[in-house]
Amino acid sequence: MTNSFIQISDSHIDDIETVWGTNSQRNLKTIVENIKKKTFKGLIISGDLAHNGTDSSYAIFKEIIKPIQHNIAVIPGNHDNKINLSKAFKECYLKNLTIGDWEIISIDSVQDLKNSGKIIQQELELLSKKILSSTKKFIVLCLHHPPVSMMSEWNDKKSLENAEDFFNTIDKFKSIKAVIWGHAHQESEFKRKGVKLFSCPSTTLQFNGPAKIGFNHFDLGEKGEINCETIWL
């Protein structure tokens, strides 16, 4: 994979090691040890880095991913505290990644005090500006909440509330080749109007999947093709 990036999601790091009956800190360490062996040019973390959003949980997260130093973007999830997250990752928070002819654009879909997501009008307008101002041939969009039905036991009411507004905003841009997200703790791939859609498994545990932890490794082609390999550990 010459031009590639990795997506991890839903690590749910807390001040204590055990979250939902599993050691989320140890699991993230296992993921990072595997990622270190990969060749890639960027890492995007698609929300729920922390379980309760404390300053100390983000400090633990940063220490665990310390071996990964380059080209990192962080977006918030519904379990995150945006103020604490942006303070801990101020250089990476809602950053866009550029890799070759590709740009990965970060989107904030989090609502205060709600599990479900919504991209407010101001954020949709900002997204359009980011896409229009991009100098790259191909674009990947990343948010926390699923914009389509997960086609599983996942409760779609916890997904993106205004998916129609989101797609109405992006459908006119032919440079968009993929949309990726987390939140559902599930690996899946869909396609919509020629755009590939990918969800990412959790580094903690899966709601609808194998009793494993995982992450996504994306390969970016020179002609706009994008392929995803989900790595299970």
Protein backbone atom coordinates (compact mmCIF):
# COMPACT_ATOMS: atom_id res chain seq x y z
CA MET A 1 0.00 0.00 0.00
CA THR A 2 1.97 3.01 -1.28
CA ASN A 3 -0.66 5.63 -0.45
CA SER A 4 -2.74 4.45 2.45
CA PHE A 5 -4.17 5.50 5.77
CA ILE A 6 -5.52 3.79 8.87
CA GLN A 7 -8.77 4.44 10.71
CA ILE A 8 -9.31 3.50 14.34
CA SER A 9 -12.48 4.21 16.26
CA ASP A 10 -14.38 3.93 19.52
CA SER A 11 -11.52 3.18 21.89
CA HIS A 12 -13.52 4.27 24.97
CA ILE A 13 -10.48 4.92 27.13
CA ASP A 14 -11.43 5.79 30.71
CA ASP A 15 -9.67 6.59 33.97
CA ILE A 16 -10.07 2.92 34.85
CA GLU A 17 -8.99 0.10 32.56
CA THR A 18 -12.28 -1.79 32.33
CA VAL A 19 -15.11 -0.46 30.17
CA TRP A 20 -18.15 -2.58 29.31
CA GLY A 21 -16.40 -5.59 30.81
CA THR A 22 -13.29 -5.33 28.64
CA ASN A 23 -9.87 -3.76 29.14
CA SER A 24 -10.08 -0.89 26.65
CA GLN A 25 -6.58 0.38 27.45
CA ARG A 26 -4.95 -2.99 26.86
CA ASN A 27 -6.96 -3.47 23.66
CA LEU A 28 -5.81 -0.11 22.26
CA LYS A 29 -2.21 -0.98 23.10
CA THR A 30 -2.63 -4.22 21.13
CA ILE A 31 -4.00 -2.29 18.16
CA VAL A 32 -1.15 0.24 18.26
CA GLU A 33 1.48 -2.51 18.40
CA ASN A 34 -0.02 -3.98 15.21
CA ILE A 35 -0.35 -0.60 13.46
CA LYS A 36 3.34 0.14 14.13
CA LYS A 37 4.22 -2.72 11.79
CA LYS A 38 2.14 -1.32 8.92
CA THR A 39 3.15 1.05 6.15
CA PHE A 40 0.78 4.00 5.99
CA LYS A 41 0.78 7.79 5.61
CA GLY A 42 -1.97 8.93 7.95
CA LEU A 43 -4.15 7.96 10.89
CA ILE A 44 -7.70 9.17 11.47
CA ILE A 45 -9.43 8.52 14.79
CA SER A 46 -13.19 8.70 14.24
CA GLY A 47 -14.56 9.49 17.67
CA ASP A 48 -15.21 8.14 21.14
CA LEU A 49 -11.56 8.22 22.05
CA ALA A 50 -12.70 8.44 25.67
CA HIS A 51 -15.60 6.86 27.50
CA ASN A 52 -16.40 9.78 29.81
CA GLY A 53 -14.35 12.58 28.26
CA THR A 54 -12.05 13.32 31.18
CA ASP A 55 -8.73 15.12 30.78
CA SER A 56 -6.93 12.16 32.30
CA SER A 57 -8.50 9.69 29.85
CA TYR A 58 -7.17 11.72 26.92
CA ALA A 59 -3.75 11.79 28.56
CA ILE A 60 -3.87 7.98 28.77
CA PHE A 61 -4.96 7.77 25.13
CA LYS A 62 -2.12 10.04 23.98
CA GLU A 63 0.43 7.97 25.87
CA ILE A 64 -0.83 4.73 24.29
CA ILE A 65 -0.69 6.05 20.71
CA LYS A 66 2.65 7.81 21.26
CA PRO A 67 4.48 5.36 18.95
CA ILE A 68 2.39 6.74 16.04
CA GLN A 69 3.72 10.21 15.35
CA HIS A 70 2.77 11.30 11.86
CA ASN A 71 -0.23 12.85 10.08
CA ILE A 72 -2.99 12.27 12.65
CA ALA A 73 -6.55 13.61 12.61
CA VAL A 74 -9.04 13.34 15.47
CA ILE A 75 -12.81 13.86 15.33
CA PRO A 76 -15.20 13.85 18.30
CA GLY A 77 -17.71 11.16 19.18
CA ASN A 78 -20.78 11.33 21.41
CA HIS A 79 -18.81 9.99 24.40
CA ASP A 80 -16.12 12.63 24.01
CA ASN A 81 -15.94 16.00 25.71
CA LYS A 82 -15.19 18.40 22.84
CA ILE A 83 -13.45 20.95 25.02
CA ASN A 84 -11.15 18.41 26.66
CA LEU A 85 -10.56 16.56 23.38
CA SER A 86 -9.69 19.69 21.41
CA LYS A 87 -7.37 20.80 24.20
CA ALA A 88 -5.56 17.46 24.30
CA PHE A 89 -5.30 17.14 20.51
CA LYS A 90 -5.30 20.80 19.47
CA GLU A 91 -3.04 20.24 16.43
CA CYS A 92 -5.04 17.21 15.28
CA TYR A 93 -8.62 18.13 16.19
CA LEU A 94 -10.92 18.07 13.14
CA LYS A 95 -7.83 18.25 10.95
CA ASN A 96 -7.87 17.22 7.29
CA LEU A 97 -5.28 14.71 6.13
CA THR A 98 -3.60 14.93 2.72
CA ILE A 99 -2.01 11.87 1.14
CA GLY A 100 -0.85 12.07 -2.45
CA ASP A 101 -3.80 13.11 -4.63
CA TRP A 102 -6.23 12.48 -1.76
CA GLU A 103 -7.67 14.53 1.08
CA ILE A 104 -9.52 13.08 4.08
CA ILE A 105 -11.91 15.74 5.40
CA SER A 106 -13.08 15.60 9.04
CA ILE A 107 -16.71 16.39 9.97
CA ASP A 108 -18.24 17.12 13.38
CA SER A 109 -21.54 15.22 13.70
CA VAL A 110 -21.86 15.28 17.51
CA GLN A 111 -24.83 16.77 19.36
CA ASP A 112 -24.63 17.83 23.00
CA LEU A 113 -26.13 15.28 25.39
CA LYS A 114 -27.40 13.00 22.60
CA ASN A 115 -26.15 9.67 21.26
CA SER A 116 -27.48 10.32 17.77
CA GLY A 117 -25.69 12.67 15.41
CA LYS A 118 -26.56 15.75 13.41
CA ILE A 119 -24.47 17.91 11.10
CA ILE A 120 -25.69 21.43 11.76
CA GLN A 121 -26.21 23.86 8.88
CA GLN A 122 -23.05 25.80 9.73
CA GLU A 123 -21.03 22.59 9.58
CA LEU A 124 -22.63 21.60 6.25
CA GLU A 125 -21.69 24.98 4.81
CA LEU A 126 -18.15 24.59 6.14
CA LEU A 127 -17.98 21.13 4.58
CA SER A 128 -18.93 22.53 1.16
CA LYS A 129 -16.22 25.19 1.49
CA LYS A 130 -13.63 22.57 2.44
CA ILE A 131 -14.51 20.42 -0.57
CA LEU A 132 -14.52 23.40 -2.97
CA SER A 133 -11.18 24.66 -1.66
CA SER A 134 -9.45 21.27 -1.80
CA THR A 135 -6.60 21.08 -4.29
CA LYS A 136 -6.69 17.28 -4.32
CA LYS A 137 -8.29 15.13 -7.02
CA PHE A 138 -10.06 12.74 -4.65
CA ILE A 139 -11.78 13.15 -1.29
CA VAL A 140 -12.78 10.91 1.62
CA LEU A 141 -15.21 12.24 4.23
CA CYS A 142 -15.02 11.08 7.84
CA LEU A 143 -17.60 11.56 10.59
CA HIS A 144 -18.55 9.69 13.76
CA HIS A 145 -22.18 8.75 13.06
CA PRO A 146 -23.42 6.36 10.35
CA PRO A 147 -25.21 8.25 7.54
CA VAL A 148 -26.94 5.08 6.28
CA SER A 149 -28.72 2.14 7.87
CA MET A 150 -26.23 -0.33 9.28
CA MET A 151 -28.39 -3.26 8.12
CA SER A 152 -27.85 -5.04 11.43
CA GLU A 153 -29.17 -5.13 14.98
CA TRP A 154 -27.65 -1.68 15.48
CA ASN A 155 -30.31 0.90 16.41
CA ASP A 156 -30.32 3.27 13.43
CA LYS A 157 -32.01 5.91 15.61
CA LYS A 158 -28.57 6.40 17.16
CA SER A 159 -27.07 7.26 13.77
CA LEU A 160 -27.05 10.54 11.80
CA GLU A 161 -30.43 12.25 12.11
CA ASN A 162 -30.11 14.46 9.02
CA ALA A 163 -28.46 12.08 6.57
CA GLU A 164 -30.58 13.49 3.74
CA ASP A 165 -29.16 16.98 4.33
CA PHE A 166 -25.66 15.50 4.39
CA PHE A 167 -26.08 13.66 1.09
CA ASN A 168 -27.81 16.64 -0.55
CA THR A 169 -24.71 18.64 0.35
CA ILE A 170 -22.12 16.19 -0.99
CA ASP A 171 -23.87 14.53 -3.95
CA LYS A 172 -22.87 17.29 -6.35
CA PHE A 173 -19.16 16.76 -5.79
CA LYS A 174 -17.70 14.10 -8.09
CA SER A 175 -14.36 14.17 -6.27
CA ILE A 176 -15.84 12.36 -3.25
CA LYS A 177 -14.95 8.69 -3.44
CA ALA A 178 -15.78 7.44 0.05
CA VAL A 179 -17.46 8.22 3.36
CA ILE A 180 -16.18 6.55 6.54
CA TRP A 181 -17.43 6.52 10.14
CA GLY A 182 -17.38 4.78 13.53
CA HIS A 183 -19.97 4.73 16.36
CA ALA A 184 -21.65 1.41 15.45
CA HIS A 185 -18.71 -0.78 16.57
CA GLN A 186 -19.15 -2.75 13.37
CA GLU A 187 -17.29 -3.47 10.14
CA SER A 188 -19.33 -2.99 6.96
CA GLU A 189 -19.13 -1.73 3.39
CA PHE A 190 -21.88 -0.22 1.26
CA LYS A 191 -22.10 1.72 -1.99
CA ARG A 192 -24.27 4.70 -2.87
CA LYS A 193 -24.26 6.54 -6.22
CA GLY A 194 -20.77 5.28 -6.97
CA VAL A 195 -19.40 6.35 -3.57
CA LYS A 196 -18.09 3.68 -1.21
CA LEU A 197 -19.27 3.75 2.40
CA PHE A 198 -17.32 2.10 5.21
CA SER A 199 -17.90 1.66 8.93
CA CYS A 200 -15.04 0.91 11.29
CA PRO A 201 -14.86 -1.71 14.01
CA SER A 202 -14.07 -0.66 17.56
CA THR A 203 -10.72 -1.12 19.25
CA THR A 204 -12.71 -2.01 22.39
CA LEU A 205 -15.49 -4.44 21.45
CA GLN A 206 -18.05 -5.03 18.69
CA PHE A 207 -21.80 -4.60 19.17
CA ASN A 208 -22.68 -6.74 16.13
CA GLY A 209 -19.67 -8.75 15.14
CA PRO A 210 -16.86 -11.06 16.16
CA ALA A 211 -15.46 -11.17 19.68
CA LYS A 212 -12.36 -9.38 18.40
CA ILE A 213 -10.94 -5.88 18.10
CA GLY A 214 -10.05 -4.26 14.80
CA PHE A 215 -9.31 -1.30 12.58
CA ASN A 216 -9.50 -0.32 8.90
CA HIS A 217 -6.56 0.07 6.52
CA PHE A 218 -7.41 1.97 3.33
CA ASP A 219 -5.49 1.76 0.07
CA LEU A 220 -5.75 4.85 -2.15
CA GLY A 221 -5.38 4.43 -5.90
CA GLU A 222 -4.03 6.87 -8.46
CA LYS A 223 -7.30 6.88 -10.42
CA GLY A 224 -9.66 7.45 -7.50
CA GLU A 225 -10.13 3.85 -6.45
CA ILE A 226 -10.26 3.14 -2.71
CA ASN A 227 -10.22 -0.23 -1.01
CA CYS A 228 -10.46 -1.20 2.64
CA GLU A 229 -8.92 -4.10 4.53
CA THR A 230 -10.34 -4.64 8.00
CA ILE A 231 -7.67 -6.01 10.33
CA TRP A 232 -9.00 -8.22 13.14
CA LEU A 233 -6.96 -9.05 16.22
